[in-house]
Every structure is written in C-alpha cells, then in structure tokens.
Amino acid sequence: MKTIRNRLIALLYIFLFVFFIIIVRVGYVQVVKGEIYVERAFELWTRNIPVSTQRGKIFDRNGKLIVGNKLAPTIAIIPKQVKNKRYTINALSTILKIPPSELEPHFNKNVAVEIIKPAGKNISLETAKQVIAADLDGVYVASDVVRYYPYGNTLAHVLGIVGTDNQGITGLEYIYDYFLMGTPGAQNIYTDAHGNKYPDLIGSYTPANSGFDLYLTIDIDIQLALERVLNNVDVLYKPVDLIGLVMNPQTSEILAMASRPTFDPENYQDYDQEIYNRNLPIWKAYEPGSTFKVVTFAAGLEEEVFRLDEHFYDPGYAVVDGTRIRDWKPGGHGDQTFLQVLQNSCNPGFISIGLRLGKERLFKYIRDFGFGEKTGVDLVGEATGIVFDTEKIGNVETANAAFGQGNTVTPLQLLNATNAAVNGGRLNTPYILKGFGIPGTNTLIFQNKTKFVRQVIKPETSMLVADALEQVVAYGTARGAYIEGYRVGWKTGQAEIPIGGVYA
C-alpha cells in the first residue's frame, strides 16, 4: 500500500508540475507574447486591397503645375467571398463591356485578393459607380490615381510616361521614379479562412503617402510658345523631324524642349515605341551645317588667326588638296571682311579659318566646346555624336568640319556650345531639374546648381562673338530674326544630307 501511495503522490507532483508549466506558458503567451500573436492572427485574417500612392506632382520653374494626378478607381475581388460566380462574372462583363471569358481566369485564381486588370484598372468614375451600385459579393472598388496633364502632350518626351502600375517608364518619370513614387496604402478587410467577413471586426484604412514634388527649369510659357511654333512649322512643311530647344546661356538651364513627331502620354500605347522612346533634342545626331560656324569663328578669334576687319575674297568655291568645295552662293560673295564672312555664312571663308587653325587646334576647340561626348544632361537616351579622329583625316576633312560637315552633333550639344561662345566662354552642364519639393508646401528640400565644366575661350573673345552674331541679324543672313527693342544674335544654317555615302 505504501508503494502505491508513494506512486500516487509522485503522479500528483508530476501533474502539478505539468499544470504549473502549462499555466506559466499560457501566461507567457497571453501577457508577454499576446500582442505579437494577436498581430499575427490579424495578418492571417486581413485581406489588403491596394490603394495607389499619389505620385509627386511636376511643376515648372515658377511653380505652375505641369503634371498632376486624377482619380481613376480600380476593381479588386476576393474570390472566396464571391457566392454566385457566374452571376458576378456576367454582371461585371456587362458593366466593363468585355467578354465573360476575359474575367473568368481572375475569379478562378486561388489568391487572397485579385486585381482585375487591364479591364478593371483605372476605370472611369461613371463605371466605378455602376460597379458599386451592382452590390456584388466579393467585388470592391479601390481608390486609384493616374497622371493628369493640364497641357496635353506638351513636353511629352521630357516628362515621359507612367505605366498601369503607376511606375515611371521613360523620361523624368523614370529617372526620378524613386522620389516621385511615394508609399502605397491599403483598404484592409478581415475575413476567415473561407473568405467570409468577420461581422464584429471593422476593416481599417492605411493611407498612401505622396512622393516628392519635382520642380523643373522649364518655363511653361516659353514651352507653350515653342510648341505653337513647332505646330505651325509642322503644318506648313511636314518635316520628317522637327526639334526646338531653348536654354539660358549663362546657366545652361533648359527652359523649353520639344520635338515632332510627338505623342499623348495618357495614350502612349497608341504610338510606335520609337516615337515615345526618342527625345530628339538629345538623341538625334546630325551634321549641323552652318550653325556650327559659331565654333570655328570663336576658335579662330581666340587663336588670332584672323582679324574681324581683315579682307577675304570668295570666288564661290575653295580648292583644298585638289578638291573643289563650293560655297552655298553661286558665284560667291566676292571681297568681304571676316566679320562679313560670318554675316554671309561664307563657306570658303570658314574653310580658310579652319586651315589656318590646322586640324589639331580646330579639333581641340571642337572637343573643348563639348562635341564628341555627352553633355551630362539629367535625361536618359543622350547621344555622343561623332567627331573625326584627327589621326585619320587630312585637309579636306578639316575644311569640311570648319563649316559644319562631316562631324555629327546633337541639338543640345550645339546649343550648349553656342552658350559657351557667347556667355563669357564658360561651358556648363545642361540640366532640367530645378529641385525636389515637399508635397503641398511649395518648399524645396533640394535645389540644383549650375555645374561649370571648363573655360573654352576668353571672356573678351566671347564678347566679340556675341557682337558678331548680332551683326548677322542686323546685316546678314538672319535679317528676318530682327526684333525691335531686343538684342538678338543668330546663326542660320542648312546642311546637306548624306544618303548612301553621298551628300544629297
């Protein structure tokens, strides 16, 4: 009996010890770990219907809105909550005006939440009201936004496009996507494992946080003026390509940039990829023709290989190493000063300047002015252009290069080099980002600054170049550019087009 009693007592102690451990464990779980386990339970019960973030807005240099956001709801479903699948599919099919077969795969997925896309993504407010009014089990309308363009396709290539998932694909939207994106939110619904709502649990809403606003160096009023000019030229001449670019010569800030053909960023899928992927002012490389003569003229003045009042006779052509190179004017310009050589855009005169410089000095200035390399502008898709290798060329190529043939440049390189020629000789890096701002405050938290690259020519030489370009407007080939009350400098130009290795 004593042995039995001892065993019973031992079992009792063991039972009490196990019970004590269970009590301690329950207490630990409830008191110490309780909050964590409750959170995990809520995570298991939660179905999150995503709410898109509002991308940061884009403003011009003066705070005028260029790109905003507008409401465009999205349809989401919780498949396990759909009681009558066939009825729900048919009802949505009617509202969205698509075949039921396009909706069926969404309803058959074994997922917690399914977004109906593309048909149910970024729908109109009227369509969203119809979905809500239909009161379909398991079907929800989530808050969503898309980009809003108050100026239509203005600045389209620069701004770029945004995909259906609110991500930047091209242009500034792509480059600064990380800053513009923000943090998405969610509409939270609590359900059991079968997808049924918990009647006693009220869902929550996690708001989305907007991305940083973007401020550009663009002046929208100048941009709109440029767009009007390009539209008029497009109608009159129907060119293959058309490019416009406006910059501040002192800072290399881009004030306006446009090209044709263009596209509608809200409906970019309707256009060929090469149209919305190519920003022509930074991508297009071509032989600049006489507009390039500003570089040769500045280099010749800097190296003092000619004087402005020195005379030069143009018979209408120049012979270089046995090759006859024609002037654009049949019969030539006759006797003229080198200032008039610029005014008249005289090819033989610039050939003379180029040969006096020699290929080494001429091409040193060509590269110092930024040709043959990217400018470093804060846009994607920039081309470098092509500059002759001085070890592989002779006098004929040097002569051609002096008046803008042979080498290829981008419009941005050409205008930025001209900036350096007239701003005191300073080559700067072009830029289009003015800074980042806190949403809704007009407060910049970062402001871009002009980046100096190199001194190309002396300030005194630059002043002479600027004055000479004014003379082109006053007395030369650009008389049509004269504007009363303004100081206008200009260089006209046209170039032959190489087709099949021969200039057309």
Protein backbone atom coordinates (compact mmCIF):
# COMPACT_ATOMS: atom_id res chain seq x y z
CA MET A 1 0.00 0.00 0.00
CA LYS A 2 2.84 2.35 0.87
CA THR A 3 4.34 1.82 -2.57
CA ILE A 4 1.00 2.61 -4.23
CA ARG A 5 0.59 5.75 -2.13
CA ASN A 6 4.10 6.92 -2.97
CA ARG A 7 3.37 6.40 -6.66
CA LEU A 8 0.13 8.38 -6.41
CA ILE A 9 1.92 11.20 -4.62
CA ALA A 10 4.63 11.16 -7.29
CA LEU A 11 2.00 11.30 -10.05
CA LEU A 12 0.28 14.13 -8.24
CA TYR A 13 3.53 16.13 -8.10
CA ILE A 14 4.18 15.42 -11.75
CA PHE A 15 0.64 16.53 -12.62
CA LEU A 16 1.02 19.69 -10.55
CA PHE A 17 4.39 20.41 -12.16
CA VAL A 18 2.99 19.94 -15.69
CA PHE A 19 -0.04 22.06 -14.76
CA PHE A 20 2.29 24.75 -13.42
CA ILE A 21 4.30 24.71 -16.66
CA ILE A 22 1.08 25.00 -18.69
CA ILE A 23 -0.11 27.92 -16.54
CA VAL A 24 3.26 29.64 -16.92
CA ARG A 25 3.23 29.02 -20.68
CA VAL A 26 -0.32 30.31 -21.07
CA GLY A 27 0.56 33.35 -19.02
CA TYR A 28 3.68 33.94 -21.08
CA VAL A 29 1.72 33.62 -24.32
CA GLN A 30 -1.09 35.89 -23.13
CA VAL A 31 0.94 38.52 -21.30
CA VAL A 32 4.36 38.57 -22.91
CA LYS A 33 3.64 37.32 -26.44
CA GLY A 34 -0.05 38.13 -26.59
CA GLU A 35 0.27 41.27 -28.63
CA ILE A 36 2.55 39.59 -31.16
CA TYR A 37 0.19 36.62 -31.63
CA VAL A 38 -2.82 38.89 -31.97
CA GLU A 39 -0.98 40.82 -34.68
CA ARG A 40 -0.16 37.56 -36.45
CA ALA A 41 -3.79 36.50 -36.24
CA PHE A 42 -4.93 39.78 -37.71
CA GLU A 43 -2.39 39.33 -40.50
CA LEU A 44 -3.93 35.94 -41.31
CA TRP A 45 -7.43 37.42 -41.26
CA THR A 46 -6.54 40.52 -43.27
CA ARG A 47 -7.20 40.93 -46.97
CA ASN A 48 -5.46 44.04 -48.30
CA ILE A 49 -6.95 45.82 -51.29
CA PRO A 50 -4.13 48.08 -52.55
CA VAL A 51 -4.55 51.84 -52.73
CA SER A 52 -2.20 53.57 -55.15
CA THR A 53 0.06 56.30 -53.93
CA GLN A 54 -0.18 59.74 -55.49
CA ARG A 55 2.99 60.33 -57.45
CA GLY A 56 4.69 63.62 -56.76
CA LYS A 57 3.47 66.46 -58.94
CA ILE A 58 5.70 68.15 -61.52
CA PHE A 59 5.93 71.95 -61.68
CA ASP A 60 7.74 74.43 -63.89
CA ARG A 61 10.37 76.86 -62.58
CA ASN A 62 7.66 79.31 -61.47
CA GLY A 63 5.51 76.77 -59.62
CA LYS A 64 2.95 76.21 -62.39
CA LEU A 65 1.55 72.67 -62.48
CA ILE A 66 2.71 70.61 -65.48
CA VAL A 67 1.73 67.11 -64.29
CA GLY A 68 -0.79 66.25 -61.57
CA ASN A 69 -2.96 63.29 -60.54
CA LYS A 70 -6.62 62.43 -61.00
CA LEU A 71 -8.88 59.75 -59.53
CA ALA A 72 -9.15 56.54 -61.60
CA PRO A 73 -10.61 53.66 -59.49
CA THR A 74 -9.61 50.00 -59.82
CA ILE A 75 -11.73 46.86 -59.36
CA ALA A 76 -10.46 44.18 -56.96
CA ILE A 77 -12.07 40.90 -55.93
CA ILE A 78 -11.73 38.47 -53.03
CA PRO A 79 -12.51 35.22 -54.90
CA LYS A 80 -13.59 33.29 -51.79
CA GLN A 81 -16.26 35.87 -51.00
CA VAL A 82 -17.94 35.52 -54.40
CA LYS A 83 -21.12 33.48 -53.73
CA ASN A 84 -22.52 33.29 -57.25
CA LYS A 85 -19.52 33.27 -59.56
CA ARG A 86 -21.45 33.06 -62.86
CA TYR A 87 -23.81 35.89 -61.94
CA THR A 88 -20.94 38.10 -60.76
CA ILE A 89 -18.85 37.48 -63.87
CA ASN A 90 -21.78 38.27 -66.18
CA ALA A 91 -22.68 41.41 -64.25
CA LEU A 92 -19.10 42.74 -64.36
CA SER A 93 -18.81 41.74 -68.02
CA THR A 94 -21.81 43.92 -68.85
CA ILE A 95 -20.51 46.91 -66.87
CA LEU A 96 -16.95 46.71 -68.25
CA LYS A 97 -18.12 45.86 -71.78
CA ILE A 98 -15.80 42.87 -72.16
CA PRO A 99 -16.49 39.15 -72.79
CA PRO A 100 -17.05 36.96 -69.68
CA SER A 101 -14.13 34.78 -70.83
CA GLU A 102 -11.72 37.63 -70.01
CA LEU A 103 -12.96 37.76 -66.42
CA GLU A 104 -13.18 34.05 -65.61
CA PRO A 105 -9.41 33.49 -65.05
CA HIS A 106 -9.41 36.21 -62.35
CA PHE A 107 -12.24 34.52 -60.44
CA ASN A 108 -10.63 31.07 -60.64
CA LYS A 109 -7.34 32.11 -59.05
CA ASN A 110 -6.51 30.78 -55.58
CA VAL A 111 -5.39 34.14 -54.17
CA ALA A 112 -6.45 36.36 -51.29
CA VAL A 113 -7.04 39.44 -53.47
CA GLU A 114 -7.07 39.75 -57.26
CA ILE A 115 -6.87 42.99 -59.26
CA ILE A 116 -8.97 42.91 -62.43
CA LYS A 117 -6.52 44.24 -64.97
CA PRO A 118 -6.29 45.57 -67.51
CA ALA A 119 -10.08 45.86 -67.94
CA GLY A 120 -10.78 46.89 -64.34
CA LYS A 121 -7.68 49.02 -63.84
CA ASN A 122 -8.05 52.83 -63.81
CA ILE A 123 -11.71 52.84 -64.81
CA SER A 124 -13.86 55.95 -65.14
CA LEU A 125 -15.82 57.33 -62.18
CA GLU A 126 -19.08 56.51 -64.00
CA THR A 127 -18.05 52.85 -64.39
CA ALA A 128 -16.99 52.73 -60.72
CA LYS A 129 -20.45 54.00 -59.67
CA GLN A 130 -22.09 51.22 -61.71
CA VAL A 131 -19.93 48.57 -60.00
CA ILE A 132 -20.77 49.93 -56.55
CA ALA A 133 -24.48 50.10 -57.38
CA ALA A 134 -24.44 46.45 -58.53
CA ASP A 135 -23.51 45.43 -54.92
CA LEU A 136 -21.68 42.27 -55.98
CA ASP A 137 -20.37 39.95 -53.23
CA GLY A 138 -16.58 39.92 -53.09
CA VAL A 139 -16.20 42.80 -55.56
CA TYR A 140 -14.58 46.02 -54.34
CA VAL A 141 -13.74 49.37 -55.89
CA ALA A 142 -10.33 50.58 -54.71
CA SER A 143 -9.08 54.14 -54.78
CA ASP A 144 -6.52 54.64 -57.54
CA VAL A 145 -4.96 57.56 -59.40
CA VAL A 146 -3.43 58.23 -62.81
CA ARG A 147 -1.40 61.11 -64.21
CA TYR A 148 -3.19 64.29 -65.26
CA TYR A 149 -1.70 66.54 -67.97
CA PRO A 150 -3.25 70.03 -68.00
CA TYR A 151 -1.29 70.92 -71.16
CA GLY A 152 -1.95 67.70 -73.09
CA ASN A 153 1.10 66.41 -74.97
CA THR A 154 3.23 69.48 -74.15
CA LEU A 155 6.72 68.41 -73.04
CA ALA A 156 5.75 64.77 -73.64
CA HIS A 157 9.22 63.37 -74.42
CA VAL A 158 10.82 65.16 -71.48
CA LEU A 159 8.19 64.16 -68.91
CA GLY A 160 7.97 60.57 -70.14
CA ILE A 161 5.25 58.03 -69.43
CA VAL A 162 3.83 56.18 -66.42
CA GLY A 163 2.70 52.53 -66.64
CA THR A 164 -0.55 51.00 -65.42
CA ASP A 165 1.09 50.12 -62.10
CA ASN A 166 1.98 53.77 -61.52
CA GLN A 167 5.68 53.30 -62.23
CA GLY A 168 7.82 55.60 -64.40
CA ILE A 169 8.79 54.05 -67.74
CA THR A 170 10.55 56.82 -69.68
CA GLY A 171 11.74 60.42 -69.30
CA LEU A 172 11.76 62.27 -65.99
CA GLU A 173 9.08 59.91 -64.66
CA TYR A 174 11.63 57.08 -65.00
CA ILE A 175 14.75 58.97 -63.92
CA TYR A 176 13.19 60.29 -60.69
CA ASP A 177 10.74 57.43 -60.13
CA TYR A 178 12.19 56.67 -56.68
CA PHE A 179 11.43 60.20 -55.48
CA LEU A 180 8.10 60.57 -57.25
CA MET A 181 6.64 57.16 -56.33
CA GLY A 182 5.70 57.61 -52.66
CA THR A 183 4.35 54.76 -50.47
CA PRO A 184 1.13 52.88 -51.44
CA GLY A 185 -1.70 52.39 -48.95
CA ALA A 186 -4.35 49.69 -48.47
CA GLN A 187 -8.00 49.10 -47.65
CA ASN A 188 -7.96 46.29 -45.05
CA ILE A 189 -10.81 43.75 -44.71
CA TYR A 190 -10.92 40.96 -42.07
CA THR A 191 -12.08 37.52 -43.22
CA ASP A 192 -11.90 33.90 -42.04
CA ALA A 193 -10.12 31.14 -43.93
CA HIS A 194 -13.16 30.73 -46.19
CA GLY A 195 -13.14 34.39 -47.15
CA ASN A 196 -16.19 35.32 -45.09
CA LYS A 197 -16.13 38.68 -43.34
CA TYR A 198 -15.84 38.75 -39.57
CA PRO A 199 -19.03 40.60 -38.55
CA ASP A 200 -17.52 42.01 -35.35
CA LEU A 201 -14.29 43.30 -36.91
CA ILE A 202 -14.28 46.62 -38.71
CA GLY A 203 -11.73 46.97 -41.51
CA SER A 204 -9.06 49.65 -41.44
CA TYR A 205 -7.55 52.01 -43.98
CA THR A 206 -3.83 52.64 -44.42
CA PRO A 207 -3.39 55.92 -46.30
CA ALA A 208 -0.92 56.24 -49.16
CA ASN A 209 1.92 58.75 -48.85
CA SER A 210 2.61 61.04 -51.80
CA GLY A 211 6.03 61.19 -53.42
CA PHE A 212 8.20 64.29 -53.57
CA ASP A 213 7.19 67.03 -55.99
CA LEU A 214 9.51 67.78 -58.89
CA TYR A 215 10.38 71.34 -59.94
CA LEU A 216 11.89 71.82 -63.40
CA THR A 217 13.96 74.56 -65.01
CA ILE A 218 11.27 74.62 -67.73
CA ASP A 219 9.27 77.84 -68.16
CA ILE A 220 5.85 76.59 -69.27
CA ASP A 221 5.01 79.88 -71.02
CA ILE A 222 8.17 79.63 -73.15
CA GLN A 223 7.41 75.93 -73.68
CA LEU A 224 3.90 76.68 -74.95
CA ALA A 225 5.25 79.34 -77.31
CA LEU A 226 7.79 76.85 -78.67
CA GLU A 227 5.10 74.18 -79.09
CA ARG A 228 2.96 76.63 -81.11
CA VAL A 229 5.89 77.42 -83.40
CA LEU A 230 6.60 73.73 -83.98
CA ASN A 231 2.92 73.03 -84.68
CA ASN A 232 2.85 75.79 -87.31
CA VAL A 233 6.06 74.61 -88.96
CA ASP A 234 4.78 71.02 -88.91
CA VAL A 235 1.63 72.05 -90.79
CA LEU A 236 3.48 74.24 -93.30
CA TYR A 237 6.42 71.99 -94.19
CA LYS A 238 5.53 68.48 -92.94
CA PRO A 239 9.15 67.67 -91.97
CA VAL A 240 10.33 64.19 -91.04
CA ASP A 241 11.81 65.52 -87.78
CA LEU A 242 11.32 68.86 -86.05
CA ILE A 243 13.25 69.98 -82.97
CA GLY A 244 13.05 73.02 -80.70
CA LEU A 245 15.25 73.88 -77.74
CA VAL A 246 15.52 76.97 -75.51
CA MET A 247 18.25 77.42 -72.87
CA ASN A 248 19.59 80.08 -70.53
CA PRO A 249 23.07 80.70 -72.00
CA GLN A 250 24.52 81.81 -68.66
CA THR A 251 23.50 78.70 -66.68
CA SER A 252 22.61 76.04 -69.31
CA GLU A 253 19.19 75.60 -67.67
CA ILE A 254 16.75 74.13 -70.18
CA LEU A 255 13.78 76.50 -70.50
CA ALA A 256 11.89 74.61 -73.22
CA MET A 257 12.37 71.41 -75.22
CA ALA A 258 10.11 69.84 -77.83
CA SER A 259 10.15 67.76 -81.00
CA ARG A 260 7.92 66.29 -83.66
CA PRO A 261 6.58 63.67 -84.10
CA THR A 262 5.15 63.73 -80.58
CA PHE A 263 2.64 61.63 -78.63
CA ASP A 264 -0.08 61.71 -75.99
CA PRO A 265 1.41 60.44 -72.69
CA GLU A 266 -2.04 59.29 -71.47
CA ASN A 267 -2.43 57.03 -74.52
CA TYR A 268 1.18 56.21 -75.36
CA GLN A 269 0.20 52.63 -76.31
CA ASP A 270 -1.35 54.06 -79.48
CA TYR A 271 2.08 55.13 -80.80
CA ASP A 272 5.14 53.34 -82.14
CA GLN A 273 7.75 52.72 -79.48
CA GLU A 274 10.40 54.69 -81.37
CA ILE A 275 8.26 57.82 -81.11
CA TYR A 276 7.92 57.96 -77.32
CA ASN A 277 11.33 56.42 -76.60
CA ARG A 278 13.40 59.00 -78.53
CA ASN A 279 13.83 62.50 -77.17
CA LEU A 280 15.21 64.03 -80.38
CA PRO A 281 16.92 67.16 -78.92
CA ILE A 282 19.31 64.90 -77.01
CA TRP A 283 19.16 61.76 -79.18
CA LYS A 284 19.25 62.96 -82.78
CA ALA A 285 22.80 63.19 -84.18
CA TYR A 286 23.18 65.01 -87.50
CA GLU A 287 25.61 67.15 -89.47
CA PRO A 288 24.86 70.70 -88.31
CA GLY A 289 25.96 72.67 -91.36
CA SER A 290 26.44 76.41 -90.99
CA THR A 291 25.12 76.64 -87.43
CA PHE A 292 28.42 75.03 -86.44
CA LYS A 293 30.38 78.00 -87.82
CA VAL A 294 30.00 79.77 -84.46
CA VAL A 295 32.51 77.26 -83.02
CA THR A 296 35.03 77.75 -85.85
CA PHE A 297 34.63 81.53 -85.66
CA ALA A 298 35.18 81.55 -81.86
CA ALA A 299 38.25 79.29 -82.15
CA GLY A 300 39.77 81.46 -84.92
CA LEU A 301 39.26 84.65 -82.90
CA GLU A 302 40.72 83.05 -79.77
CA GLU A 303 43.81 81.86 -81.66
CA GLU A 304 44.06 85.19 -83.55
CA VAL A 305 44.34 83.53 -86.96
CA PHE A 306 42.25 86.35 -88.47
CA ARG A 307 41.03 89.87 -87.67
CA LEU A 308 37.41 90.96 -87.96
CA ASP A 309 38.37 93.79 -90.35
CA GLU A 310 40.73 91.60 -92.43
CA HIS A 311 39.57 91.13 -96.02
CA PHE A 312 38.89 87.80 -97.73
CA TYR A 313 37.89 87.17 -101.34
CA ASP A 314 35.29 84.49 -102.09
CA PRO A 315 35.09 83.36 -105.74
CA GLY A 316 32.30 80.92 -104.90
CA TYR A 317 34.48 77.94 -104.07
CA ALA A 318 37.68 76.80 -102.37
CA VAL A 319 40.17 74.23 -103.67
CA VAL A 320 41.70 72.06 -100.95
CA ASP A 321 44.29 69.44 -101.95
CA GLY A 322 42.76 69.29 -105.42
CA THR A 323 39.17 69.02 -104.16
CA ARG A 324 36.80 71.82 -105.17
CA ILE A 325 34.39 72.74 -102.35
CA ARG A 326 31.53 75.02 -103.38
CA ASP A 327 30.07 77.95 -101.49
CA TRP A 328 26.32 77.91 -100.90
CA LYS A 329 26.01 81.06 -103.07
CA PRO A 330 26.79 80.52 -106.77
CA GLY A 331 29.49 82.99 -107.83
CA GLY A 332 30.49 83.60 -104.22
CA HIS A 333 30.43 86.76 -102.09
CA GLY A 334 33.45 88.47 -103.58
CA ASP A 335 35.55 90.78 -101.39
CA GLN A 336 34.44 90.95 -97.74
CA THR A 337 35.82 91.25 -94.23
CA PHE A 338 35.90 88.24 -91.91
CA LEU A 339 33.04 89.83 -89.95
CA GLN A 340 31.09 89.73 -93.22
CA VAL A 341 32.23 86.12 -93.72
CA LEU A 342 30.14 85.29 -90.64
CA GLN A 343 27.29 87.59 -91.69
CA ASN A 344 27.10 85.95 -95.10
CA SER A 345 27.84 82.43 -93.81
CA CYS A 346 30.57 82.13 -96.43
CA ASN A 347 31.87 78.54 -96.69
CA PRO A 348 35.25 79.38 -98.32
CA GLY A 349 35.86 81.95 -95.58
CA PHE A 350 35.38 79.33 -92.87
CA ILE A 351 37.48 76.84 -94.79
CA SER A 352 40.25 79.45 -94.63
CA ILE A 353 39.81 79.85 -90.86
CA GLY A 354 39.84 76.07 -90.38
CA LEU A 355 43.01 75.58 -92.39
CA ARG A 356 44.75 78.48 -90.66
CA LEU A 357 43.96 76.83 -87.32
CA GLY A 358 45.04 73.41 -88.58
CA LYS A 359 43.33 70.18 -87.67
CA GLU A 360 44.95 69.84 -84.25
CA ARG A 361 43.87 73.24 -82.96
CA LEU A 362 40.45 73.18 -84.67
CA PHE A 363 39.54 69.81 -83.23
CA LYS A 364 40.87 70.74 -79.81
CA TYR A 365 38.28 73.53 -79.72
CA ILE A 366 35.59 71.28 -81.15
CA ARG A 367 36.10 68.88 -78.26
CA ASP A 368 36.53 71.68 -75.71
CA PHE A 369 33.14 73.04 -76.76
CA GLY A 370 31.68 69.65 -75.78
CA PHE A 371 31.33 67.76 -79.05
CA GLY A 372 32.10 64.04 -79.26
CA GLU A 373 30.92 63.40 -75.69
CA LYS A 374 27.67 63.51 -73.75
CA THR A 375 26.80 66.84 -72.17
CA GLY A 376 25.76 65.08 -68.95
CA VAL A 377 22.20 66.43 -69.04
CA ASP A 378 19.88 64.79 -66.48
CA LEU A 379 17.81 62.99 -69.13
CA VAL A 380 18.13 59.44 -70.49
CA GLY A 381 18.96 58.49 -74.07
CA GLU A 382 21.59 61.13 -74.82
CA ALA A 383 23.83 60.51 -77.85
CA THR A 384 27.50 61.50 -78.13
CA GLY A 385 27.67 62.38 -81.81
CA ILE A 386 30.72 61.58 -83.92
CA VAL A 387 33.87 63.71 -84.26
CA PHE A 388 36.64 62.97 -86.77
CA ASP A 389 39.75 61.21 -85.48
CA THR A 390 42.49 63.75 -86.28
CA GLU A 391 44.99 60.94 -86.98
CA LYS A 392 42.82 59.68 -89.84
CA ILE A 393 41.91 62.92 -91.63
CA GLY A 394 43.57 65.45 -93.89
CA ASN A 395 42.97 69.00 -95.08
CA VAL A 396 39.73 68.18 -96.95
CA GLU A 397 38.04 66.77 -93.85
CA THR A 398 39.37 69.68 -91.80
CA ALA A 399 37.90 72.12 -94.33
CA ASN A 400 34.51 70.34 -94.24
CA ALA A 401 34.49 70.28 -90.45
CA ALA A 402 35.15 74.04 -90.34
CA PHE A 403 31.77 74.81 -91.94
CA GLY A 404 29.77 72.04 -90.25
CA GLN A 405 30.05 68.97 -92.47
CA GLY A 406 31.42 65.54 -91.53
CA ASN A 407 31.07 65.63 -87.74
CA THR A 408 27.69 64.86 -86.19
CA VAL A 409 26.20 66.65 -83.18
CA THR A 410 23.03 66.67 -81.13
CA PRO A 411 20.89 69.82 -80.91
CA LEU A 412 21.67 70.01 -77.17
CA GLN A 413 25.44 69.87 -77.80
CA LEU A 414 25.18 72.55 -80.49
CA LEU A 415 23.12 74.99 -78.42
CA ASN A 416 25.22 74.42 -75.30
CA ALA A 417 28.41 75.09 -77.29
CA THR A 418 26.83 78.30 -78.61
CA ASN A 419 26.01 79.23 -75.00
CA ALA A 420 29.70 78.92 -74.16
CA ALA A 421 30.65 81.01 -77.18
CA VAL A 422 28.56 84.00 -76.00
CA ASN A 423 28.37 83.74 -72.18
CA GLY A 424 31.97 84.62 -71.42
CA GLY A 425 33.48 81.36 -72.68
CA ARG A 426 32.15 79.06 -69.93
CA LEU A 427 30.94 75.56 -70.85
CA ASN A 428 28.36 74.34 -68.33
CA THR A 429 26.45 71.09 -67.92
CA PRO A 430 22.86 71.41 -69.17
CA TYR A 431 20.16 70.48 -66.66
CA ILE A 432 16.39 70.34 -66.35
CA LEU A 433 15.84 69.51 -62.66
CA LYS A 434 15.46 72.61 -60.52
CA GLY A 435 14.81 70.70 -57.29
CA PHE A 436 12.61 68.47 -55.12
CA GLY A 437 9.74 69.80 -53.02
CA ILE A 438 7.67 68.62 -50.07
CA PRO A 439 4.14 67.79 -51.35
CA GLY A 440 1.63 70.62 -50.97
CA THR A 441 4.09 73.13 -49.50
CA ASN A 442 5.97 74.70 -52.45
CA THR A 443 9.07 74.22 -50.26
CA LEU A 444 12.22 72.95 -51.97
CA ILE A 445 14.30 70.49 -49.94
CA PHE A 446 16.94 70.25 -52.68
CA GLN A 447 17.90 72.82 -55.32
CA ASN A 448 20.09 72.08 -58.30
CA LYS A 449 23.00 74.34 -59.22
CA THR A 450 24.88 75.18 -62.40
CA LYS A 451 27.86 72.87 -62.95
CA PHE A 452 30.86 74.53 -64.60
CA VAL A 453 32.82 72.23 -66.93
CA ARG A 454 35.65 74.31 -68.43
CA GLN A 455 36.70 77.73 -69.75
CA VAL A 456 36.79 77.34 -73.53
CA ILE A 457 37.62 80.86 -74.74
CA LYS A 458 38.48 84.14 -73.03
CA PRO A 459 35.63 86.48 -71.97
CA GLU A 460 36.92 89.14 -74.36
CA THR A 461 36.73 86.70 -77.28
CA SER A 462 33.23 85.66 -76.23
CA MET A 463 32.11 89.31 -76.28
CA LEU A 464 33.38 89.65 -79.85
CA VAL A 465 31.49 86.51 -80.90
CA ALA A 466 28.26 87.79 -79.34
CA ASP A 467 28.60 91.16 -81.08
CA ALA A 468 29.35 89.44 -84.38
CA LEU A 469 26.21 87.28 -84.12
CA GLU A 470 24.17 90.44 -83.60
CA GLN A 471 25.64 91.71 -86.87
CA VAL A 472 24.30 88.58 -88.60
CA VAL A 473 20.80 89.76 -87.63
CA ALA A 474 21.44 93.40 -88.47
CA TYR A 475 23.19 92.94 -91.84
CA GLY A 476 23.50 89.25 -92.67
CA THR A 477 21.54 86.08 -93.46
CA ALA A 478 19.31 86.39 -90.37
CA ARG A 479 17.68 89.78 -91.02
CA GLY A 480 14.27 88.15 -90.60
CA ALA A 481 15.10 87.46 -86.96
CA TYR A 482 15.33 91.14 -86.03
CA ILE A 483 13.01 92.15 -83.15
CA GLU A 484 12.70 95.84 -82.36
CA GLY A 485 13.73 96.64 -78.79
CA TYR A 486 15.74 93.43 -78.30
CA ARG A 487 19.38 92.47 -78.82
CA VAL A 488 19.25 89.32 -80.94
CA GLY A 489 22.19 87.18 -82.02
CA TRP A 490 21.65 84.48 -84.64
CA LYS A 491 23.33 81.97 -86.89
CA THR A 492 21.43 80.50 -89.79
CA GLY A 493 22.32 77.12 -91.20
CA GLN A 494 21.43 74.32 -93.54
CA ALA A 495 23.27 71.11 -94.21
CA GLU A 496 23.48 68.54 -96.98
CA ILE A 497 22.15 65.12 -96.00
CA PRO A 498 24.37 62.07 -96.52
CA ILE A 499 22.43 59.27 -98.25
CA GLY A 500 24.25 56.11 -99.25
CA GLY A 501 27.65 57.69 -98.65
CA VAL A 502 26.92 60.64 -100.94
CA TYR A 503 25.58 64.08 -100.00
CA ALA A 504 22.11 64.70 -101.41
